[in-house]
Amino acid sequence: MVFVYTEHADYKLKERSIDKKTVEFVLQNPDIVIDSRFDRKIAQRIIENKLLRVVFQKKNNTFKIITAYYTKPKRYGD
């Protein structure tokens, strides 16, 4: 697997103190992956009582990470 981070993703991960290893773990081990707009998908996983959402596009074996953020699990139906 190849992980490519957009400039926006790099900025937001740093701003939100989210480690790239955690993002890559979620992409490889999601609780669920849902379709999003603009041919994107969202990988979600509960981590320490928070829901990490990773917005990405996948082509072949390359994941292009758009952004990632933590939120409350019940905001998205859990």
PDB file of N, CA and C in Angstrom:
ATOM      1  N   MET A   1       0.838  -1.189   0.000  1.00  0.00           N
ATOM      2  CA  MET A   1       0.000   0.000   0.000  1.00  0.00           C
ATOM      3  C   MET A   1       0.877   1.244   0.000  1.00  0.00           C
ATOM      4  N   VAL A   2       0.419   2.230  -0.747  1.00  0.00           N
ATOM      5  CA  VAL A   2       1.115   3.507  -0.810  1.00  0.00           C
ATOM      6  C   VAL A   2       0.171   4.572  -0.260  1.00  0.00           C
ATOM      7  N   PHE A   3       0.697   5.426   0.607  1.00  0.00           N
ATOM      8  CA  PHE A   3      -0.097   6.499   1.207  1.00  0.00           C
ATOM      9  C   PHE A   3       0.452   7.842   0.751  1.00  0.00           C
ATOM     10  N   VAL A   4      -0.416   8.639   0.146  1.00  0.00           N
ATOM     11  CA  VAL A   4      -0.043   9.965  -0.345  1.00  0.00           C
ATOM     12  C   VAL A   4      -0.930  10.972   0.381  1.00  0.00           C
ATOM     13  N   TYR A   5      -0.302  11.970   0.963  1.00  0.00           N
ATOM     14  CA  TYR A   5      -1.039  12.987   1.721  1.00  0.00           C
ATOM     15  C   TYR A   5      -1.094  14.288   0.931  1.00  0.00           C
ATOM     16  N   THR A   6      -2.296  14.849   0.817  1.00  0.00           N
ATOM     17  CA  THR A   6      -2.411  16.157   0.180  1.00  0.00           C
ATOM     18  C   THR A   6      -1.813  17.208   1.108  1.00  0.00           C
ATOM     19  N   GLU A   7      -1.543  18.350   0.571  1.00  0.00           N
ATOM     20  CA  GLU A   7      -1.042  19.458   1.386  1.00  0.00           C
ATOM     21  C   GLU A   7      -2.050  19.794   2.480  1.00  0.00           C
ATOM     22  N   HIS A   8      -3.326  19.772   2.108  1.00  0.00           N
ATOM     23  CA  HIS A   8      -4.399  20.040   3.071  1.00  0.00           C
ATOM     24  C   HIS A   8      -4.364  19.014   4.204  1.00  0.00           C
ATOM     25  N   ALA A   9      -4.215  17.737   3.857  1.00  0.00           N
ATOM     26  CA  ALA A   9      -4.172  16.685   4.876  1.00  0.00           C
ATOM     27  C   ALA A   9      -2.991  16.879   5.814  1.00  0.00           C
ATOM     28  N   ASP A  10      -1.818  17.153   5.256  1.00  0.00           N
ATOM     29  CA  ASP A  10      -0.639  17.396   6.099  1.00  0.00           C
ATOM     30  C   ASP A  10      -0.895  18.521   7.092  1.00  0.00           C
ATOM     31  N   TYR A  11      -1.483  19.596   6.602  1.00  0.00           N
ATOM     32  CA  TYR A  11      -1.761  20.757   7.455  1.00  0.00           C
ATOM     33  C   TYR A  11      -2.763  20.397   8.560  1.00  0.00           C
ATOM     34  N   LYS A  12      -3.858  19.743   8.178  1.00  0.00           N
ATOM     35  CA  LYS A  12      -4.910  19.422   9.146  1.00  0.00           C
ATOM     36  C   LYS A  12      -4.459  18.373  10.164  1.00  0.00           C
ATOM     37  N   LEU A  13      -3.675  17.398   9.736  1.00  0.00           N
ATOM     38  CA  LEU A  13      -3.184  16.405  10.684  1.00  0.00           C
ATOM     39  C   LEU A  13      -2.296  17.058  11.735  1.00  0.00           C
ATOM     40  N   LYS A  14      -1.449  17.947  11.288  1.00  0.00           N
ATOM     41  CA  LYS A  14      -0.581  18.652  12.225  1.00  0.00           C
ATOM     42  C   LYS A  14      -1.421  19.521  13.170  1.00  0.00           C
ATOM     43  N   GLU A  15      -2.365  20.258  12.604  1.00  0.00           N
ATOM     44  CA  GLU A  15      -3.238  21.138  13.397  1.00  0.00           C
ATOM     45  C   GLU A  15      -4.046  20.351  14.424  1.00  0.00           C
ATOM     46  N   ARG A  16      -4.478  19.148  14.060  1.00  0.00           N
ATOM     47  CA  ARG A  16      -5.339  18.330  14.922  1.00  0.00           C
ATOM     48  C   ARG A  16      -4.558  17.291  15.729  1.00  0.00           C
ATOM     49  N   SER A  17      -3.246  17.309  15.622  1.00  0.00           N
ATOM     50  CA  SER A  17      -2.374  16.373  16.353  1.00  0.00           C
ATOM     51  C   SER A  17      -2.758  14.916  16.094  1.00  0.00           C
ATOM     52  N   ILE A  18      -2.950  14.586  14.825  1.00  0.00           N
ATOM     53  CA  ILE A  18      -3.262  13.214  14.430  1.00  0.00           C
ATOM     54  C   ILE A  18      -2.026  12.639  13.740  1.00  0.00           C
ATOM     55  N   ASP A  19      -1.578  11.509  14.239  1.00  0.00           N
ATOM     56  CA  ASP A  19      -0.380  10.853  13.724  1.00  0.00           C
ATOM     57  C   ASP A  19      -0.684  10.128  12.415  1.00  0.00           C
ATOM     58  N   LYS A  20       0.233  10.192  11.466  1.00  0.00           N
ATOM     59  CA  LYS A  20       0.045   9.511  10.180  1.00  0.00           C
ATOM     60  C   LYS A  20      -0.061   7.998  10.351  1.00  0.00           C
ATOM     61  N   LYS A  21       0.645   7.438  11.328  1.00  0.00           N
ATOM     62  CA  LYS A  21       0.557   5.997  11.567  1.00  0.00           C
ATOM     63  C   LYS A  21      -0.860   5.606  11.977  1.00  0.00           C
ATOM     64  N   THR A  22      -1.529   6.464  12.723  1.00  0.00           N
ATOM     65  CA  THR A  22      -2.908   6.202  13.125  1.00  0.00           C
ATOM     66  C   THR A  22      -3.830   6.258  11.914  1.00  0.00           C
ATOM     67  N   VAL A  23      -3.629   7.247  11.051  1.00  0.00           N
ATOM     68  CA  VAL A  23      -4.420   7.367   9.826  1.00  0.00           C
ATOM     69  C   VAL A  23      -4.250   6.112   8.972  1.00  0.00           C
ATOM     70  N   GLU A  24      -3.026   5.677   8.809  1.00  0.00           N
ATOM     71  CA  GLU A  24      -2.747   4.503   7.981  1.00  0.00           C
ATOM     72  C   GLU A  24      -3.315   3.233   8.604  1.00  0.00           C
ATOM     73  N   PHE A  25      -3.295   3.151   9.930  1.00  0.00           N
ATOM     74  CA  PHE A  25      -3.906   2.017  10.624  1.00  0.00           C
ATOM     75  C   PHE A  25      -5.404   1.963  10.338  1.00  0.00           C
ATOM     76  N   VAL A  26      -6.068   3.118  10.417  1.00  0.00           N
ATOM     77  CA  VAL A  26      -7.514   3.172  10.165  1.00  0.00           C
ATOM     78  C   VAL A  26      -7.819   2.774   8.721  1.00  0.00           C
ATOM     79  N   LEU A  27      -7.006   3.224   7.780  1.00  0.00           N
ATOM     80  CA  LEU A  27      -7.232   2.861   6.381  1.00  0.00           C
ATOM     81  C   LEU A  27      -7.072   1.362   6.152  1.00  0.00           C
ATOM     82  N   GLN A  28      -6.180   0.733   6.893  1.00  0.00           N
ATOM     83  CA  GLN A  28      -5.952  -0.705   6.742  1.00  0.00           C
ATOM     84  C   GLN A  28      -6.888  -1.555   7.592  1.00  0.00           C
ATOM     85  N   ASN A  29      -7.465  -0.946   8.654  1.00  0.00           N
ATOM     86  CA  ASN A  29      -8.307  -1.679   9.605  1.00  0.00           C
ATOM     87  C   ASN A  29      -9.545  -0.877   9.997  1.00  0.00           C
ATOM     88  N   PRO A  30     -10.346  -0.450   9.039  1.00  0.00           N
ATOM     89  CA  PRO A  30     -11.509   0.374   9.387  1.00  0.00           C
ATOM     90  C   PRO A  30     -12.619  -0.456  10.036  1.00  0.00           C
ATOM     91  N   ASP A  31     -13.415   0.200  10.866  1.00  0.00           N
ATOM     92  CA  ASP A  31     -14.654  -0.427  11.354  1.00  0.00           C
ATOM     93  C   ASP A  31     -15.661  -0.456  10.204  1.00  0.00           C
ATOM     94  N   ILE A  32     -15.626   0.598   9.398  1.00  0.00           N
ATOM     95  CA  ILE A  32     -16.538   0.716   8.259  1.00  0.00           C
ATOM     96  C   ILE A  32     -15.936   1.698   7.246  1.00  0.00           C
ATOM     97  N   VAL A  33     -16.272   1.507   5.977  1.00  0.00           N
ATOM     98  CA  VAL A  33     -15.899   2.450   4.922  1.00  0.00           C
ATOM     99  C   VAL A  33     -17.190   2.849   4.218  1.00  0.00           C
ATOM    100  N   ILE A  34     -17.421   4.153   4.119  1.00  0.00           N
ATOM    101  CA  ILE A  34     -18.644   4.628   3.477  1.00  0.00           C
ATOM    102  C   ILE A  34     -18.301   5.485   2.266  1.00  0.00           C
ATOM    103  N   ASP A  35     -19.206   5.486   1.306  1.00  0.00           N
ATOM    104  CA  ASP A  35     -19.020   6.322   0.125  1.00  0.00           C
ATOM    105  C   ASP A  35     -19.272   7.776   0.479  1.00  0.00           C
ATOM    106  N   SER A  36     -18.545   8.650  -0.191  1.00  0.00           N
ATOM    107  CA  SER A  36     -18.701  10.088   0.002  1.00  0.00           C
ATOM    108  C   SER A  36     -18.810  10.737  -1.369  1.00  0.00           C
ATOM    109  N   ARG A  37     -18.852  12.044  -1.392  1.00  0.00           N
ATOM    110  CA  ARG A  37     -18.969  12.734  -2.676  1.00  0.00           C
ATOM    111  C   ARG A  37     -17.601  12.893  -3.345  1.00  0.00           C
ATOM    112  N   PHE A  38     -17.619  13.287  -4.586  1.00  0.00           N
ATOM    113  CA  PHE A  38     -16.405  13.508  -5.383  1.00  0.00           C
ATOM    114  C   PHE A  38     -15.543  12.249  -5.508  1.00  0.00           C
ATOM    115  N   ASP A  39     -16.204  11.081  -5.580  1.00  0.00           N
ATOM    116  CA  ASP A  39     -15.492   9.810  -5.736  1.00  0.00           C
ATOM    117  C   ASP A  39     -14.541   9.531  -4.565  1.00  0.00           C
ATOM    118  N   ARG A  40     -14.920  10.009  -3.400  1.00  0.00           N
ATOM    119  CA  ARG A  40     -14.127   9.786  -2.193  1.00  0.00           C
ATOM    120  C   ARG A  40     -14.823   8.795  -1.288  1.00  0.00           C
ATOM    121  N   LYS A  41     -14.067   8.268  -0.341  1.00  0.00           N
ATOM    122  CA  LYS A  41     -14.606   7.368   0.668  1.00  0.00           C
ATOM    123  C   LYS A  41     -14.147   7.855   2.037  1.00  0.00           C
ATOM    124  N   ILE A  42     -14.839   7.372   3.065  1.00  0.00           N
ATOM    125  CA  ILE A  42     -14.481   7.725   4.433  1.00  0.00           C
ATOM    126  C   ILE A  42     -14.310   6.437   5.230  1.00  0.00           C
ATOM    127  N   ALA A  43     -13.098   6.239   5.739  1.00  0.00           N
ATOM    128  CA  ALA A  43     -12.817   5.105   6.623  1.00  0.00           C
ATOM    129  C   ALA A  43     -13.021   5.596   8.054  1.00  0.00           C
ATOM    130  N   GLN A  44     -13.732   4.806   8.845  1.00  0.00           N
ATOM    131  CA  GLN A  44     -14.020   5.198  10.222  1.00  0.00           C
ATOM    132  C   GLN A  44     -13.584   4.105  11.178  1.00  0.00           C
ATOM    133  N   ARG A  45     -13.095   4.532  12.344  1.00  0.00           N
ATOM    134  CA  ARG A  45     -12.727   3.574  13.390  1.00  0.00           C
ATOM    135  C   ARG A  45     -12.800   4.283  14.744  1.00  0.00           C
ATOM    136  N   ILE A  46     -13.321   3.565  15.722  1.00  0.00           N
ATOM    137  CA  ILE A  46     -13.354   4.069  17.095  1.00  0.00           C
ATOM    138  C   ILE A  46     -11.961   3.876  17.698  1.00  0.00           C
ATOM    139  N   ILE A  47     -11.424   4.969  18.217  1.00  0.00           N
ATOM    140  CA  ILE A  47     -10.121   4.939  18.888  1.00  0.00           C
ATOM    141  C   ILE A  47     -10.261   5.710  20.197  1.00  0.00           C
ATOM    142  N   GLU A  48     -10.105   4.995  21.306  1.00  0.00           N
ATOM    143  CA  GLU A  48     -10.202   5.602  22.641  1.00  0.00           C
ATOM    144  C   GLU A  48     -11.471   6.440  22.794  1.00  0.00           C
ATOM    145  N   ASN A  49     -12.603   5.837  22.483  1.00  0.00           N
ATOM    146  CA  ASN A  49     -13.929   6.456  22.627  1.00  0.00           C
ATOM    147  C   ASN A  49     -14.188   7.634  21.702  1.00  0.00           C
ATOM    148  N   LYS A  50     -13.321   7.830  20.715  1.00  0.00           N
ATOM    149  CA  LYS A  50     -13.549   8.870  19.706  1.00  0.00           C
ATOM    150  C   LYS A  50     -13.595   8.194  18.347  1.00  0.00           C
ATOM    151  N   LEU A  51     -14.309   8.802  17.426  1.00  0.00           N
ATOM    152  CA  LEU A  51     -14.413   8.272  16.072  1.00  0.00           C
ATOM    153  C   LEU A  51     -13.445   9.030  15.172  1.00  0.00           C
ATOM    154  N   LEU A  52     -12.490   8.310  14.601  1.00  0.00           N
ATOM    155  CA  LEU A  52     -11.566   8.929  13.649  1.00  0.00           C
ATOM    156  C   LEU A  52     -12.115   8.679  12.260  1.00  0.00           C
ATOM    157  N   ARG A  53     -12.321   9.745  11.510  1.00  0.00           N
ATOM    158  CA  ARG A  53     -12.817   9.662  10.136  1.00  0.00           C
ATOM    159  C   ARG A  53     -11.684  10.104   9.205  1.00  0.00           C
ATOM    160  N   VAL A  54     -11.370   9.273   8.219  1.00  0.00           N
ATOM    161  CA  VAL A  54     -10.308   9.557   7.258  1.00  0.00           C
ATOM    162  C   VAL A  54     -10.943   9.619   5.869  1.00  0.00           C
ATOM    163  N   VAL A  55     -10.881  10.787   5.261  1.00  0.00           N
ATOM    164  CA  VAL A  55     -11.428  10.984   3.926  1.00  0.00           C
ATOM    165  C   VAL A  55     -10.307  10.704   2.920  1.00  0.00           C
ATOM    166  N   PHE A  56     -10.587   9.834   1.951  1.00  0.00           N
ATOM    167  CA  PHE A  56      -9.539   9.428   1.021  1.00  0.00           C
ATOM    168  C   PHE A  56     -10.109   9.051  -0.344  1.00  0.00           C
ATOM    169  N   GLN A  57      -9.201   8.938  -1.296  1.00  0.00           N
ATOM    170  CA  GLN A  57      -9.499   8.365  -2.608  1.00  0.00           C
ATOM    171  C   GLN A  57      -8.517   7.222  -2.801  1.00  0.00           C
ATOM    172  N   LYS A  58      -8.975   6.156  -3.433  1.00  0.00           N
ATOM    173  CA  LYS A  58      -8.098   5.003  -3.652  1.00  0.00           C
ATOM    174  C   LYS A  58      -8.051   4.686  -5.133  1.00  0.00           C
ATOM    175  N   LYS A  59      -6.849   4.508  -5.622  1.00  0.00           N
ATOM    176  CA  LYS A  59      -6.644   4.078  -6.999  1.00  0.00           C
ATOM    177  C   LYS A  59      -5.589   3.000  -6.967  1.00  0.00           C
ATOM    178  N   ASN A  60      -5.985   1.806  -7.429  1.00  0.00           N
ATOM    179  CA  ASN A  60      -5.117   0.638  -7.359  1.00  0.00           C
ATOM    180  C   ASN A  60      -4.672   0.428  -5.918  1.00  0.00           C
ATOM    181  N   ASN A  61      -3.398   0.532  -5.644  1.00  0.00           N
ATOM    182  CA  ASN A  61      -2.882   0.288  -4.298  1.00  0.00           C
ATOM    183  C   ASN A  61      -2.461   1.582  -3.593  1.00  0.00           C
ATOM    184  N   THR A  62      -2.932   2.731  -4.118  1.00  0.00           N
ATOM    185  CA  THR A  62      -2.541   4.026  -3.564  1.00  0.00           C
ATOM    186  C   THR A  62      -3.727   4.702  -2.879  1.00  0.00           C
ATOM    187  N   PHE A  63      -3.498   5.081  -1.633  1.00  0.00           N
ATOM    188  CA  PHE A  63      -4.487   5.836  -0.882  1.00  0.00           C
ATOM    189  C   PHE A  63      -4.074   7.301  -0.883  1.00  0.00           C
ATOM    190  N   LYS A  64      -4.926   8.166  -1.383  1.00  0.00           N
ATOM    191  CA  LYS A  64      -4.677   9.607  -1.343  1.00  0.00           C
ATOM    192  C   LYS A  64      -5.518  10.166  -0.195  1.00  0.00           C
ATOM    193  N   ILE A  65      -4.849  10.605   0.860  1.00  0.00           N
ATOM    194  CA  ILE A  65      -5.541  11.102   2.047  1.00  0.00           C
ATOM    195  C   ILE A  65      -5.873  12.575   1.855  1.00  0.00           C
ATOM    196  N   ILE A  66      -7.159  12.893   1.997  1.00  0.00           N
ATOM    197  CA  ILE A  66      -7.650  14.254   1.825  1.00  0.00           C
ATOM    198  C   ILE A  66      -7.645  14.994   3.167  1.00  0.00           C
ATOM    199  N   THR A  67      -8.182  14.341   4.199  1.00  0.00           N
ATOM    200  CA  THR A  67      -8.206  14.921   5.543  1.00  0.00           C
ATOM    201  C   THR A  67      -8.564  13.826   6.538  1.00  0.00           C
ATOM    202  N   ALA A  68      -8.426  14.138   7.815  1.00  0.00           N
ATOM    203  CA  ALA A  68      -8.824  13.223   8.886  1.00  0.00           C
ATOM    204  C   ALA A  68      -9.186  14.051  10.103  1.00  0.00           C
ATOM    205  N   TYR A  69     -10.153  13.540  10.860  1.00  0.00           N
ATOM    206  CA  TYR A  69     -10.566  14.280  12.059  1.00  0.00           C
ATOM    207  C   TYR A  69     -11.263  13.349  13.032  1.00  0.00           C
ATOM    208  N   TYR A  70     -11.169  13.699  14.308  1.00  0.00           N
ATOM    209  CA  TYR A  70     -11.887  12.998  15.365  1.00  0.00           C
ATOM    210  C   TYR A  70     -13.227  13.680  15.585  1.00  0.00           C
ATOM    211  N   THR A  71     -14.210  12.878  15.944  1.00  0.00           N
ATOM    212  CA  THR A  71     -15.529  13.397  16.272  1.00  0.00           C
ATOM    213  C   THR A  71     -16.172  12.456  17.292  1.00  0.00           C
ATOM    214  N   LYS A  72     -17.356  12.808  17.747  1.00  0.00           N
ATOM    215  CA  LYS A  72     -18.091  11.954  18.680  1.00  0.00           C
ATOM    216  C   LYS A  72     -18.752  10.830  17.901  1.00  0.00           C
ATOM    217  N   PRO A  73     -18.636   9.588  18.378  1.00  0.00           N
ATOM    218  CA  PRO A  73     -19.226   8.467  17.647  1.00  0.00           C
ATOM    219  C   PRO A  73     -20.717   8.611  17.381  1.00  0.00           C
ATOM    220  N   LYS A  74     -21.463   9.134  18.359  1.00  0.00           N
ATOM    221  CA  LYS A  74     -22.922   9.192  18.135  1.00  0.00           C
ATOM    222  C   LYS A  74     -23.324  10.228  17.096  1.00  0.00           C
ATOM    223  N   ARG A  75     -22.431  11.101  16.721  1.00  0.00           N
ATOM    224  CA  ARG A  75     -22.735  12.066  15.664  1.00  0.00           C
ATOM    225  C   ARG A  75     -22.980  11.352  14.333  1.00  0.00           C
ATOM    226  N   TYR A  76     -22.348  10.192  14.160  1.00  0.00           N
ATOM    227  CA  TYR A  76     -22.487   9.429  12.919  1.00  0.00           C
ATOM    228  C   TYR A  76     -23.178   8.093  13.132  1.00  0.00           C
ATOM    229  N   GLY A  77     -24.067   8.038  14.100  1.00  0.00           N
ATOM    230  CA  GLY A  77     -24.953   6.888  14.250  1.00  0.00           C
ATOM    231  C   GLY A  77     -24.490   5.764  15.149  1.00  0.00           C
ATOM    232  N   ASP A  78     -23.342   5.895  15.786  1.00  0.00           N
ATOM    233  CA  ASP A  78     -22.907   4.822  16.691  1.00  0.00           C
ATOM    234  C   ASP A  78     -23.481   5.021  18.078  1.00  0.00           C
TER     235      ASP A  78
END
